[in-house]
Amino acid sequence: MEKPEAPPTKSGGYKKIIAIVVVIIVIAGIGIGVYEFTHPAKKTVYFYSWWASTGKVALDHVISSYEASHPGTKVEQTLKPGAAGVNAIGAILTLMKTGKSPDTFQSLYGPQILSYVETAPGGSNSFVKMNSVANDINLTTSTVFPQDLYAGTFNGTMFSLPVDLHQGGVLYFNPQLLAANHLPAPINYTLLLSDTAALEAKGITPWIIPGNDGGYDQGELWESLFLRFDNSTCGNATLYDKFMYGTLNLSNSTASKIINETNDKFISFQKESYTGESSMTWTQALPKILDKKAGFEVDVNSYTNYAYDYLKTTTYPVNSTYVYMNNGTLKPTAHNMTLMSMDFPGTSKYFMIVSDSIAVPSGSTSANGLTFAKFFASYSDQKIFTKWKASSYYNNITTDYYNTPSQWASYQQAKADANTPSDWVIDLDAGGLFAGPTTSIESKLLGLVGNPTSSGVNTFNKQLPSIISNEKSDWLAANALGYGFMGTLSHPFGGYLPPWISNNTTTTVTADNTAHGNNILTLNTIYITAPFISLFLESIIMIGRK
């Protein structure tokens, strides 16, 4: 933003411009005593998110702590509910297109945030770049799990700060249902299939895959199956990574085989799922698991926190030594446990990242939003927020402060995988794809659910290349801006670089000190000139929107 011009030298100039300013204030209905001739810090932080359940409970604790440590400041949440931001993403993108960005907002850490960058009127300049902010709060690869940091870093540039570390592709079930039917825990894929068949034979619904989250739940199951078949066939997650970058060649025989296997089991499980699930959200489906009316459900492990916060149910990890005996049967001490979690069978090699983050649009309220963002992502706040939601991405947690054993187990898994980049993938359905392809694949999966026949599969397979192609186009657009891959050249996320990145590519870290200087307005002295009137009007419009 340009500096204000020097004050007019003629007294008449002062009078005319002051009169104009007064008229503007009167028309806008803003008291002159509030603003006078300075640009004061706004006392309310407006935070846009989709946290209506587990996130809200955790966020309430953060807000209480923030307001207590920042007297006179209030955090106000604008809420757009929907699993993994299925509704909020479009709403925020629309606000950005119309130049009405919120002060600060929740995003999923990963390629999803680039959708905002490509959509915003000012592109990357529409956001505060977070590199120096991360350094300010000691958010570095020596203090956090490196791959989590790289998941939201694009050719060295960060557009948001992570605020938790969730795990995607988690299988949930009630161990009492399996025990009552003399079935073992599905600790491998073969046992999952046999448990499914056994429950079906006994007249018990094996699966519940709710359909009222816009296709989010279908996406969680489909991508978990895809990762499982990729790993079992290729011994790695390379095809999964290629899907994320939009470079998966569906004409390749191995890729085609894996897609077909994924579709086949997806439809098989869907046919064995709960009647009436199409009108349910994931929060409405969970009680069916607890009531033993359905066997299995796949979700992000925010499921764990919802069960604890709203259903008074504690989730235990299957790998707990006090839960199962060697033969797979429950120990007597586990007979009061009604919810367990585990990696989707066949994917336990990988930690599937789902990380919420906070972004700050550039503009007159950036400083206010940044203060909240820095607090939110700090080590001290992480122990407040992640006690109630997900787990921390800081690598030095030694005490289990979490509400549930499942959260601690997830953290321990992240810690075990921390130094093996190839063991990390990002949840495609929850931040791992750009916004458009995410919406597309979710809607197409719902279409497959509605037509689970060979013709339905053929239709889905014909639609998939377009989704993958659009993902690649979005990445190439990001690459043209200098943000064409996750991580840095020397440390790409998951140890994988897309084909458009050559060994000669230079990693560019945007100097966000300059960006901050342009984006964060700090005016100690205001000259009453035409540029100030424009700025003042912009501030009034922002206030009016709120």
Protein backbone atom coordinates (compact mmCIF):
# COMPACT_ATOMS: atom_id res chain seq x y z
CA MET A 1 0.00 0.00 0.00
CA GLU A 2 1.36 3.42 -0.90
CA LYS A 3 2.35 5.89 1.79
CA PRO A 4 0.03 8.84 2.43
CA GLU A 5 0.88 11.99 0.54
CA ALA A 6 2.17 15.03 2.40
CA PRO A 7 -0.51 17.28 3.93
CA PRO A 8 -1.86 20.09 1.77
CA THR A 9 -0.11 23.39 2.28
CA LYS A 10 -3.20 25.55 1.93
CA SER A 11 -5.58 25.83 4.85
CA GLY A 12 -8.54 25.63 2.48
CA GLY A 13 -7.39 22.18 1.43
CA TYR A 14 -7.69 20.98 5.00
CA LYS A 15 -11.20 22.29 5.41
CA LYS A 16 -12.52 20.72 2.23
CA ILE A 17 -11.08 17.30 2.90
CA ILE A 18 -12.10 17.28 6.55
CA ALA A 19 -15.62 18.15 5.47
CA ILE A 20 -15.63 15.23 3.08
CA VAL A 21 -14.42 12.88 5.82
CA VAL A 22 -17.11 14.10 8.21
CA VAL A 23 -19.78 13.53 5.56
CA ILE A 24 -18.51 10.01 4.99
CA ILE A 25 -18.64 9.29 8.72
CA VAL A 26 -22.16 10.61 9.07
CA ILE A 27 -23.43 8.66 6.06
CA ALA A 28 -21.81 5.48 7.28
CA GLY A 29 -23.33 5.90 10.71
CA ILE A 30 -19.95 5.59 12.40
CA GLY A 31 -19.27 7.82 15.40
CA ILE A 32 -16.40 10.21 14.86
CA GLY A 33 -15.23 9.60 18.39
CA VAL A 34 -14.55 5.95 17.61
CA TYR A 35 -12.12 6.45 14.72
CA GLU A 36 -11.04 10.05 14.93
CA PHE A 37 -8.10 10.28 12.53
CA THR A 38 -6.26 7.07 13.29
CA HIS A 39 -6.77 3.46 12.29
CA PRO A 40 -7.12 1.64 15.64
CA ALA A 41 -6.88 -2.10 16.12
CA LYS A 42 -10.24 -3.81 15.79
CA LYS A 43 -11.28 -5.45 19.06
CA THR A 44 -13.09 -8.40 17.50
CA VAL A 45 -11.38 -11.19 15.57
CA TYR A 46 -13.80 -12.62 13.01
CA PHE A 47 -12.96 -16.26 12.41
CA TYR A 48 -14.75 -18.21 9.67
CA SER A 49 -14.87 -21.99 10.12
CA TRP A 50 -16.94 -25.15 9.77
CA TRP A 51 -16.39 -26.36 13.34
CA ALA A 52 -19.92 -27.03 14.52
CA SER A 53 -19.25 -30.01 16.80
CA THR A 54 -15.87 -31.36 17.94
CA GLY A 55 -14.01 -28.36 16.59
CA LYS A 56 -16.38 -26.00 18.34
CA VAL A 57 -15.81 -27.64 21.71
CA ALA A 58 -12.04 -27.41 21.25
CA LEU A 59 -12.23 -23.90 19.80
CA ASP A 60 -14.26 -22.67 22.77
CA HIS A 61 -11.34 -23.60 25.02
CA VAL A 62 -8.93 -21.74 22.73
CA ILE A 63 -11.12 -18.66 22.56
CA SER A 64 -11.49 -18.54 26.34
CA SER A 65 -7.73 -18.74 26.75
CA TYR A 66 -7.09 -16.15 24.04
CA GLU A 67 -9.58 -13.63 25.40
CA ALA A 68 -8.23 -14.08 28.92
CA SER A 69 -4.69 -13.35 27.74
CA HIS A 70 -5.77 -10.49 25.42
CA PRO A 71 -8.06 -8.28 27.55
CA GLY A 72 -10.63 -6.32 25.57
CA THR A 73 -10.46 -8.68 22.60
CA LYS A 74 -13.29 -10.93 21.44
CA VAL A 75 -13.19 -13.80 18.95
CA GLU A 76 -16.38 -14.25 16.98
CA GLN A 77 -16.88 -17.38 14.92
CA THR A 78 -18.81 -17.35 11.64
CA LEU A 79 -20.01 -20.90 11.20
CA LYS A 80 -20.65 -22.89 8.02
CA PRO A 81 -21.09 -26.51 9.16
CA GLY A 82 -20.17 -29.48 6.98
CA ALA A 83 -17.74 -32.39 7.21
CA ALA A 84 -14.18 -31.43 6.22
CA GLY A 85 -15.44 -28.01 5.10
CA VAL A 86 -17.61 -29.48 2.35
CA ASN A 87 -19.88 -26.40 2.59
CA ALA A 88 -17.48 -23.79 3.95
CA ILE A 89 -14.93 -24.15 1.14
CA GLY A 90 -17.33 -22.88 -1.50
CA ALA A 91 -18.63 -20.14 0.77
CA ILE A 92 -15.14 -18.81 1.51
CA LEU A 93 -14.12 -18.99 -2.16
CA THR A 94 -17.22 -16.97 -3.05
CA LEU A 95 -16.38 -14.34 -0.44
CA MET A 96 -12.85 -14.06 -1.81
CA LYS A 97 -14.05 -13.71 -5.40
CA THR A 98 -16.28 -10.83 -4.35
CA GLY A 99 -13.55 -9.17 -2.31
CA LYS A 100 -15.21 -9.87 1.04
CA SER A 101 -12.64 -12.11 2.69
CA PRO A 102 -13.10 -12.90 6.38
CA ASP A 103 -10.47 -11.59 8.80
CA THR A 104 -9.12 -15.08 9.29
CA PHE A 105 -10.48 -18.47 8.40
CA GLN A 106 -10.06 -22.19 8.82
CA SER A 107 -8.70 -24.22 5.94
CA LEU A 108 -7.39 -27.72 5.59
CA TYR A 109 -3.62 -27.68 5.50
CA GLY A 110 -2.56 -28.93 2.09
CA PRO A 111 -3.45 -28.22 -1.57
CA GLN A 112 -6.89 -26.98 -0.56
CA ILE A 113 -5.39 -23.68 0.57
CA LEU A 114 -4.01 -23.15 -2.95
CA SER A 115 -7.60 -23.09 -4.20
CA TYR A 116 -8.02 -19.88 -2.23
CA VAL A 117 -4.74 -18.49 -3.56
CA GLU A 118 -5.78 -19.12 -7.17
CA THR A 119 -9.28 -17.74 -6.61
CA ALA A 120 -8.52 -14.61 -4.60
CA PRO A 121 -8.57 -11.36 -6.61
CA GLY A 122 -5.00 -10.59 -5.60
CA GLY A 123 -3.68 -14.14 -5.87
CA SER A 124 -0.95 -14.92 -3.38
CA ASN A 125 -0.81 -11.26 -2.36
CA SER A 126 -4.29 -11.70 -0.90
CA PHE A 127 -2.76 -13.62 1.99
CA VAL A 128 -0.23 -13.04 4.70
CA LYS A 129 2.59 -15.46 3.97
CA MET A 130 3.40 -17.35 7.11
CA ASN A 131 7.10 -18.27 6.84
CA SER A 132 8.44 -15.62 9.21
CA VAL A 133 5.35 -15.99 11.40
CA ALA A 134 6.14 -19.71 11.77
CA ASN A 135 9.70 -18.80 12.70
CA ASP A 136 8.45 -16.31 15.27
CA ILE A 137 6.65 -19.07 17.17
CA ASN A 138 9.49 -21.58 16.60
CA LEU A 139 7.44 -23.67 14.19
CA THR A 140 10.32 -25.42 12.43
CA THR A 141 11.20 -28.94 11.34
CA SER A 142 13.23 -29.36 14.52
CA THR A 143 10.20 -28.69 16.73
CA VAL A 144 7.36 -30.31 14.75
CA PHE A 145 6.87 -33.38 12.59
CA PRO A 146 8.56 -32.25 9.35
CA GLN A 147 6.08 -33.85 6.96
CA ASP A 148 3.16 -32.12 8.63
CA LEU A 149 4.90 -28.78 8.10
CA TYR A 150 5.68 -29.65 4.48
CA ALA A 151 2.08 -30.67 3.80
CA GLY A 152 1.10 -26.99 3.84
CA THR A 153 4.30 -25.56 2.38
CA PHE A 154 4.43 -24.95 -1.37
CA ASN A 155 7.88 -24.60 -2.90
CA GLY A 156 8.93 -23.15 0.42
CA THR A 157 5.99 -20.81 1.00
CA MET A 158 3.33 -21.19 3.68
CA PHE A 159 -0.10 -19.57 3.35
CA SER A 160 -1.51 -20.84 6.63
CA LEU A 161 -0.42 -22.21 9.99
CA PRO A 162 -1.35 -25.74 11.11
CA VAL A 163 -3.40 -25.98 14.29
CA ASP A 164 -3.72 -29.75 14.78
CA LEU A 165 -2.75 -33.14 13.36
CA HIS A 166 -5.65 -35.42 12.50
CA GLN A 167 -5.39 -38.85 10.93
CA GLY A 168 -7.55 -39.87 7.99
CA GLY A 169 -8.59 -43.31 6.80
CA VAL A 170 -9.44 -44.58 10.29
CA LEU A 171 -11.68 -47.61 10.75
CA TYR A 172 -14.15 -47.51 13.67
CA PHE A 173 -16.13 -50.36 15.20
CA ASN A 174 -17.73 -51.52 18.43
CA PRO A 175 -15.65 -54.41 19.85
CA GLN A 176 -18.66 -55.67 21.79
CA LEU A 177 -20.48 -56.40 18.53
CA LEU A 178 -17.58 -58.49 17.25
CA ALA A 179 -17.10 -60.23 20.60
CA ALA A 180 -20.80 -61.12 20.84
CA ASN A 181 -20.53 -62.80 17.44
CA HIS A 182 -17.18 -64.46 18.17
CA LEU A 183 -15.36 -62.42 15.56
CA PRO A 184 -11.77 -61.13 15.84
CA ALA A 185 -10.68 -57.55 15.44
CA PRO A 186 -10.09 -56.72 11.74
CA ILE A 187 -6.36 -56.24 12.21
CA ASN A 188 -5.73 -57.05 8.55
CA TYR A 189 -7.66 -56.75 5.32
CA THR A 190 -8.50 -60.46 5.15
CA LEU A 191 -10.09 -60.33 8.60
CA LEU A 192 -12.04 -57.19 7.64
CA LEU A 193 -13.54 -59.05 4.69
CA SER A 194 -14.32 -62.14 6.74
CA ASP A 195 -15.87 -60.06 9.56
CA THR A 196 -17.98 -58.24 6.99
CA ALA A 197 -19.22 -61.49 5.49
CA ALA A 198 -19.89 -63.05 8.91
CA LEU A 199 -21.95 -60.07 10.11
CA GLU A 200 -23.91 -60.08 6.87
CA ALA A 201 -24.64 -63.80 7.27
CA LYS A 202 -25.94 -63.19 10.78
CA GLY A 203 -28.33 -60.49 9.54
CA ILE A 204 -26.26 -57.66 11.06
CA THR A 205 -25.47 -54.65 8.86
CA PRO A 206 -21.69 -54.67 8.38
CA TRP A 207 -21.18 -51.08 7.22
CA ILE A 208 -22.53 -47.59 7.57
CA ILE A 209 -21.46 -44.97 5.01
CA PRO A 210 -23.57 -41.83 5.57
CA GLY A 211 -24.59 -39.94 2.46
CA ASN A 212 -25.59 -36.50 3.69
CA ASP A 213 -22.10 -34.99 3.94
CA GLY A 214 -21.83 -34.22 0.24
CA GLY A 215 -19.83 -37.37 -0.53
CA TYR A 216 -17.17 -36.82 2.13
CA ASP A 217 -17.80 -40.21 3.79
CA GLN A 218 -17.73 -42.00 0.45
CA GLY A 219 -14.44 -40.29 -0.31
CA GLU A 220 -12.91 -41.46 2.98
CA LEU A 221 -13.75 -45.09 2.23
CA TRP A 222 -12.78 -44.95 -1.45
CA GLU A 223 -9.36 -43.38 -0.86
CA SER A 224 -8.61 -45.80 2.02
CA LEU A 225 -9.28 -48.72 -0.32
CA PHE A 226 -7.21 -47.06 -3.05
CA LEU A 227 -4.23 -46.60 -0.70
CA ARG A 228 -4.59 -50.21 0.49
CA PHE A 229 -4.53 -51.62 -3.05
CA ASP A 230 -1.71 -49.28 -4.09
CA ASN A 231 0.42 -50.44 -1.17
CA SER A 232 -0.37 -54.14 -1.59
CA THR A 233 0.28 -54.04 -5.34
CA CYS A 234 3.18 -51.60 -5.60
CA GLY A 235 4.61 -51.71 -2.09
CA ASN A 236 4.40 -47.93 -1.86
CA ALA A 237 2.00 -45.01 -2.23
CA THR A 238 3.33 -43.65 -5.52
CA LEU A 239 0.05 -44.01 -7.42
CA TYR A 240 -1.70 -42.33 -4.50
CA ASP A 241 0.79 -39.45 -4.76
CA LYS A 242 0.22 -39.23 -8.50
CA PHE A 243 -3.52 -39.01 -7.94
CA MET A 244 -2.89 -36.09 -5.59
CA TYR A 245 -0.89 -34.25 -8.25
CA GLY A 246 -3.27 -35.20 -11.07
CA THR A 247 -0.63 -37.19 -12.96
CA LEU A 248 -2.07 -40.68 -12.48
CA ASN A 249 -2.19 -42.38 -15.89
CA LEU A 250 -5.40 -44.42 -15.89
CA SER A 251 -4.31 -46.15 -19.11
CA ASN A 252 -1.50 -47.80 -17.17
CA SER A 253 -2.46 -51.42 -16.51
CA THR A 254 -1.42 -51.34 -12.85
CA ALA A 255 -3.30 -48.10 -12.18
CA SER A 256 -6.37 -49.43 -13.99
CA LYS A 257 -6.25 -52.65 -11.96
CA ILE A 258 -6.03 -50.77 -8.66
CA ILE A 259 -8.87 -48.41 -9.57
CA ASN A 260 -11.06 -51.37 -10.55
CA GLU A 261 -10.28 -53.20 -7.30
CA THR A 262 -11.05 -50.04 -5.34
CA ASN A 263 -14.39 -49.57 -7.10
CA ASP A 264 -15.30 -53.22 -6.65
CA LYS A 265 -14.82 -53.26 -2.87
CA PHE A 266 -16.33 -49.79 -2.49
CA ILE A 267 -19.54 -51.01 -4.13
CA SER A 268 -19.42 -54.28 -2.20
CA PHE A 269 -19.27 -52.47 1.15
CA GLN A 270 -21.87 -49.98 -0.01
CA LYS A 271 -24.30 -52.79 -0.82
CA GLU A 272 -23.81 -54.14 2.71
CA SER A 273 -24.40 -50.80 4.41
CA TYR A 274 -27.11 -49.34 6.60
CA THR A 275 -30.60 -48.67 5.26
CA GLY A 276 -31.45 -44.99 5.53
CA GLU A 277 -27.82 -43.84 5.67
CA SER A 278 -28.26 -41.58 2.64
CA SER A 279 -29.99 -38.97 4.80
CA MET A 280 -27.45 -39.18 7.64
CA THR A 281 -24.36 -37.16 8.43
CA TRP A 282 -21.33 -38.79 10.02
CA THR A 283 -22.40 -37.55 13.45
CA GLN A 284 -25.79 -39.21 13.02
CA ALA A 285 -24.19 -42.45 11.88
CA LEU A 286 -21.86 -42.85 14.87
CA PRO A 287 -24.63 -43.89 17.34
CA LYS A 288 -25.47 -46.80 15.03
CA ILE A 289 -21.95 -48.14 15.63
CA LEU A 290 -22.27 -47.68 19.38
CA ASP A 291 -25.72 -49.32 19.43
CA LYS A 292 -24.31 -52.33 17.51
CA LYS A 293 -26.67 -51.72 14.60
CA ALA A 294 -23.77 -51.44 12.16
CA GLY A 295 -20.30 -52.90 12.11
CA PHE A 296 -17.78 -50.54 10.55
CA GLU A 297 -17.34 -46.93 9.49
CA VAL A 298 -14.35 -45.09 8.00
CA ASP A 299 -13.65 -41.50 8.93
CA VAL A 300 -11.08 -38.94 9.99
CA ASN A 301 -10.29 -39.33 13.68
CA SER A 302 -12.35 -36.26 14.59
CA TYR A 303 -14.86 -39.09 15.06
CA THR A 304 -12.96 -39.89 18.27
CA ASN A 305 -13.48 -36.41 19.66
CA TYR A 306 -17.15 -36.24 18.73
CA ALA A 307 -17.79 -39.54 20.53
CA TYR A 308 -16.09 -38.17 23.63
CA ASP A 309 -17.63 -34.69 23.60
CA TYR A 310 -21.21 -35.53 22.74
CA LEU A 311 -21.77 -39.24 23.36
CA LYS A 312 -19.62 -39.67 26.50
CA THR A 313 -17.75 -42.47 24.77
CA THR A 314 -14.00 -43.03 24.94
CA THR A 315 -12.24 -44.48 21.89
CA TYR A 316 -9.46 -47.00 22.37
CA PRO A 317 -6.87 -48.00 19.77
CA VAL A 318 -6.90 -51.61 18.66
CA ASN A 319 -3.16 -51.86 19.22
CA SER A 320 -3.55 -51.30 22.96
CA THR A 321 -2.11 -54.28 24.80
CA TYR A 322 -4.90 -54.15 27.36
CA VAL A 323 -7.66 -54.51 24.78
CA TYR A 324 -7.08 -57.72 22.83
CA MET A 325 -5.42 -61.02 23.66
CA ASN A 326 -3.09 -62.68 21.17
CA ASN A 327 -5.92 -64.73 19.66
CA GLY A 328 -7.87 -61.56 18.83
CA THR A 329 -10.50 -61.92 21.54
CA LEU A 330 -11.27 -59.17 24.03
CA LYS A 331 -9.63 -59.20 27.42
CA PRO A 332 -12.10 -59.19 30.32
CA THR A 333 -10.99 -55.67 31.23
CA ALA A 334 -12.09 -54.42 27.81
CA HIS A 335 -15.71 -55.45 28.09
CA ASN A 336 -16.84 -51.92 28.88
CA MET A 337 -15.23 -50.48 25.76
CA THR A 338 -17.71 -49.67 23.02
CA LEU A 339 -15.62 -47.88 20.40
CA MET A 340 -12.25 -48.72 18.87
CA SER A 341 -10.16 -47.22 16.11
CA MET A 342 -7.39 -48.43 13.84
CA ASP A 343 -5.73 -47.61 10.53
CA PHE A 344 -7.77 -48.94 7.66
CA PRO A 345 -6.45 -52.50 7.23
CA GLY A 346 -3.55 -52.61 4.83
CA THR A 347 -2.59 -48.94 5.25
CA SER A 348 -0.89 -48.97 8.68
CA LYS A 349 2.46 -48.25 7.03
CA TYR A 350 1.28 -44.70 6.39
CA PHE A 351 0.23 -41.71 8.41
CA MET A 352 -2.58 -40.05 6.45
CA ILE A 353 -2.49 -36.35 7.33
CA VAL A 354 -5.60 -34.27 7.88
CA SER A 355 -4.45 -31.02 9.41
CA ASP A 356 -6.63 -28.00 10.10
CA SER A 357 -4.98 -24.65 9.61
CA ILE A 358 -5.64 -20.95 9.96
CA ALA A 359 -5.11 -18.43 7.16
CA VAL A 360 -5.05 -14.63 7.34
CA PRO A 361 -6.12 -12.53 4.33
CA SER A 362 -4.12 -9.38 3.63
CA GLY A 363 -5.69 -6.07 4.50
CA SER A 364 -6.45 -3.67 7.29
CA THR A 365 -7.33 -6.42 9.77
CA SER A 366 -4.30 -8.64 9.10
CA ALA A 367 -2.47 -7.68 12.28
CA ASN A 368 -5.52 -8.58 14.32
CA GLY A 369 -5.95 -11.92 12.58
CA LEU A 370 -2.24 -12.70 12.85
CA THR A 371 -2.22 -12.22 16.59
CA PHE A 372 -4.93 -14.84 16.91
CA ALA A 373 -3.27 -17.17 14.37
CA LYS A 374 0.07 -17.06 16.16
CA PHE A 375 -1.59 -17.82 19.46
CA PHE A 376 -3.61 -20.65 17.91
CA ALA A 377 -0.57 -22.37 16.37
CA SER A 378 1.74 -21.90 19.32
CA TYR A 379 3.02 -24.74 21.48
CA SER A 380 1.15 -23.57 24.56
CA ASP A 381 -2.17 -23.34 22.75
CA GLN A 382 -1.69 -26.71 21.08
CA LYS A 383 -1.93 -28.37 24.47
CA ILE A 384 -5.26 -26.60 24.99
CA PHE A 385 -6.76 -27.28 21.56
CA THR A 386 -5.51 -30.79 20.89
CA LYS A 387 -6.52 -32.10 24.29
CA TRP A 388 -10.01 -31.90 22.79
CA LYS A 389 -9.29 -32.39 19.09
CA ALA A 390 -6.84 -34.52 17.09
CA SER A 391 -3.27 -34.51 18.40
CA SER A 392 -0.36 -32.11 18.37
CA TYR A 393 2.15 -31.75 15.54
CA TYR A 394 4.87 -30.65 17.97
CA ASN A 395 7.34 -33.49 18.30
CA ASN A 396 8.29 -33.10 21.96
CA ILE A 397 5.06 -34.15 23.70
CA THR A 398 6.04 -36.63 26.40
CA THR A 399 2.94 -36.67 28.58
CA ASP A 400 -0.42 -38.07 27.48
CA TYR A 401 -2.65 -35.07 28.10
CA TYR A 402 -5.31 -36.14 25.59
CA ASN A 403 -8.91 -36.96 26.45
CA THR A 404 -8.78 -40.38 24.79
CA PRO A 405 -6.19 -43.17 24.40
CA SER A 406 -6.88 -43.15 20.65
CA GLN A 407 -5.48 -39.60 20.33
CA TRP A 408 -2.31 -40.57 22.14
CA ALA A 409 -1.90 -43.66 19.94
CA SER A 410 -2.23 -41.49 16.82
CA TYR A 411 0.42 -39.12 18.15
CA GLN A 412 2.74 -42.02 18.91
CA GLN A 413 2.29 -43.32 15.36
CA ALA A 414 3.19 -39.91 13.93
CA LYS A 415 6.25 -39.87 16.11
CA ALA A 416 7.31 -43.33 14.90
CA ASP A 417 6.89 -42.29 11.25
CA ALA A 418 8.43 -38.84 11.69
CA ASN A 419 11.76 -39.56 10.00
CA THR A 420 10.45 -41.58 7.05
CA PRO A 421 8.98 -39.17 4.48
CA SER A 422 7.55 -41.92 2.26
CA ASP A 423 5.38 -43.09 5.17
CA TRP A 424 3.33 -39.88 5.01
CA VAL A 425 0.41 -39.23 2.68
CA ILE A 426 -2.31 -36.60 2.75
CA ASP A 427 -6.01 -37.36 2.91
CA LEU A 428 -7.25 -36.71 -0.64
CA ASP A 429 -10.79 -36.14 0.56
CA ALA A 430 -9.83 -33.73 3.33
CA GLY A 431 -7.39 -31.18 1.98
CA GLY A 432 -5.26 -33.31 -0.35
CA LEU A 433 -6.99 -32.17 -3.54
CA PHE A 434 -7.93 -28.73 -4.80
CA ALA A 435 -11.46 -27.60 -3.99
CA GLY A 436 -12.94 -28.25 -7.44
CA PRO A 437 -11.66 -31.83 -7.86
CA THR A 438 -12.64 -32.59 -4.25
CA THR A 439 -16.23 -31.57 -4.92
CA SER A 440 -16.21 -33.44 -8.23
CA ILE A 441 -15.00 -36.79 -6.95
CA GLU A 442 -17.32 -36.65 -3.95
CA SER A 443 -20.33 -35.97 -6.14
CA LYS A 444 -19.29 -38.69 -8.61
CA LEU A 445 -18.91 -41.20 -5.77
CA LEU A 446 -22.44 -40.33 -4.63
CA GLY A 447 -23.51 -41.02 -8.20
CA LEU A 448 -21.81 -44.40 -8.02
CA VAL A 449 -23.67 -45.14 -4.79
CA GLY A 450 -26.92 -44.33 -6.58
CA ASN A 451 -26.06 -46.68 -9.43
CA PRO A 452 -23.85 -49.49 -8.05
CA THR A 453 -23.97 -51.49 -11.28
CA SER A 454 -21.51 -52.15 -14.07
CA SER A 455 -22.95 -49.19 -15.96
CA GLY A 456 -22.49 -47.03 -12.86
CA VAL A 457 -18.87 -48.13 -12.60
CA ASN A 458 -18.31 -47.40 -16.28
CA THR A 459 -19.78 -43.93 -15.83
CA PHE A 460 -17.56 -43.26 -12.83
CA ASN A 461 -14.46 -44.51 -14.64
CA LYS A 462 -15.22 -42.22 -17.58
CA GLN A 463 -15.56 -39.26 -15.21
CA LEU A 464 -12.37 -39.97 -13.26
CA PRO A 465 -9.89 -38.84 -15.97
CA SER A 466 -11.52 -35.40 -16.08
CA ILE A 467 -11.25 -35.07 -12.29
CA ILE A 468 -7.57 -36.06 -12.38
CA SER A 469 -6.92 -33.73 -15.32
CA ASN A 470 -8.51 -30.81 -13.47
CA GLU A 471 -6.34 -31.54 -10.45
CA LYS A 472 -3.26 -31.41 -12.67
CA SER A 473 -4.44 -28.13 -14.21
CA ASP A 474 -4.83 -26.61 -10.76
CA TRP A 475 -1.31 -27.72 -9.85
CA LEU A 476 0.13 -26.33 -13.08
CA ALA A 477 -1.59 -23.02 -12.36
CA ALA A 478 0.00 -23.08 -8.90
CA ASN A 479 3.34 -23.95 -10.49
CA ALA A 480 3.07 -20.91 -12.77
CA LEU A 481 2.79 -18.83 -9.60
CA GLY A 482 5.83 -20.55 -8.08
CA TYR A 483 3.94 -22.94 -5.79
CA GLY A 484 3.93 -26.13 -7.85
CA PHE A 485 4.59 -28.77 -5.22
CA MET A 486 4.32 -29.51 -1.51
CA GLY A 487 7.39 -28.97 0.65
CA THR A 488 10.73 -27.71 -0.57
CA LEU A 489 12.95 -29.01 -3.35
CA SER A 490 15.28 -30.67 -0.87
CA HIS A 491 12.40 -31.90 1.30
CA PRO A 492 9.29 -32.58 -0.81
CA PHE A 493 6.25 -33.83 1.06
CA GLY A 494 6.21 -37.64 1.21
CA GLY A 495 9.55 -37.69 -0.59
CA TYR A 496 7.74 -37.25 -3.92
CA LEU A 497 8.06 -34.53 -6.57
CA PRO A 498 5.62 -34.16 -9.49
CA PRO A 499 7.05 -34.51 -13.01
CA TRP A 500 6.98 -30.78 -13.81
CA ILE A 501 9.59 -30.14 -11.13
CA SER A 502 13.09 -30.77 -12.50
CA ASN A 503 16.30 -31.13 -10.56
CA ASN A 504 17.21 -27.63 -11.71
CA THR A 505 14.20 -26.05 -10.03
CA THR A 506 15.13 -23.44 -7.48
CA THR A 507 13.18 -23.40 -4.27
CA THR A 508 11.81 -19.93 -3.70
CA VAL A 509 10.72 -18.83 -0.26
CA THR A 510 8.64 -15.70 -0.52
CA ALA A 511 9.98 -12.93 1.67
CA ASP A 512 6.92 -12.32 3.74
CA ASN A 513 8.54 -9.54 5.73
CA THR A 514 7.90 -7.40 2.68
CA ALA A 515 4.44 -8.85 2.30
CA HIS A 516 3.67 -8.02 5.89
CA GLY A 517 4.87 -4.50 5.35
CA ASN A 518 2.44 -4.12 2.48
CA ASN A 519 -0.44 -5.98 4.00
CA ILE A 520 -0.56 -4.97 7.62
CA LEU A 521 -1.56 -1.38 8.07
CA THR A 522 0.24 0.41 10.89
CA LEU A 523 -0.35 4.15 10.89
CA ASN A 524 0.82 6.27 13.76
CA THR A 525 0.11 9.53 11.98
CA ILE A 526 -2.63 9.98 9.40
CA TYR A 527 -2.55 12.73 6.82
CA ILE A 528 -6.04 13.65 5.73
CA THR A 529 -5.69 13.27 1.97
CA ALA A 530 -7.48 11.53 -0.87
CA PRO A 531 -5.63 8.21 -0.32
CA PHE A 532 -6.74 8.27 3.31
CA ILE A 533 -10.38 8.78 2.31
CA SER A 534 -10.17 5.70 0.09
CA LEU A 535 -8.62 3.71 2.92
CA PHE A 536 -11.16 5.01 5.39
CA LEU A 537 -14.06 4.01 3.15
CA GLU A 538 -12.55 0.55 2.75
CA SER A 539 -12.44 0.17 6.53
CA ILE A 540 -16.06 1.29 6.89
CA ILE A 541 -17.16 -1.21 4.25
CA MET A 542 -15.35 -3.99 6.10
CA ILE A 543 -17.05 -3.02 9.35
CA GLY A 544 -20.44 -2.85 7.66
CA ARG A 545 -19.98 -6.40 6.39
CA LYS A 546 -19.32 -7.68 9.84
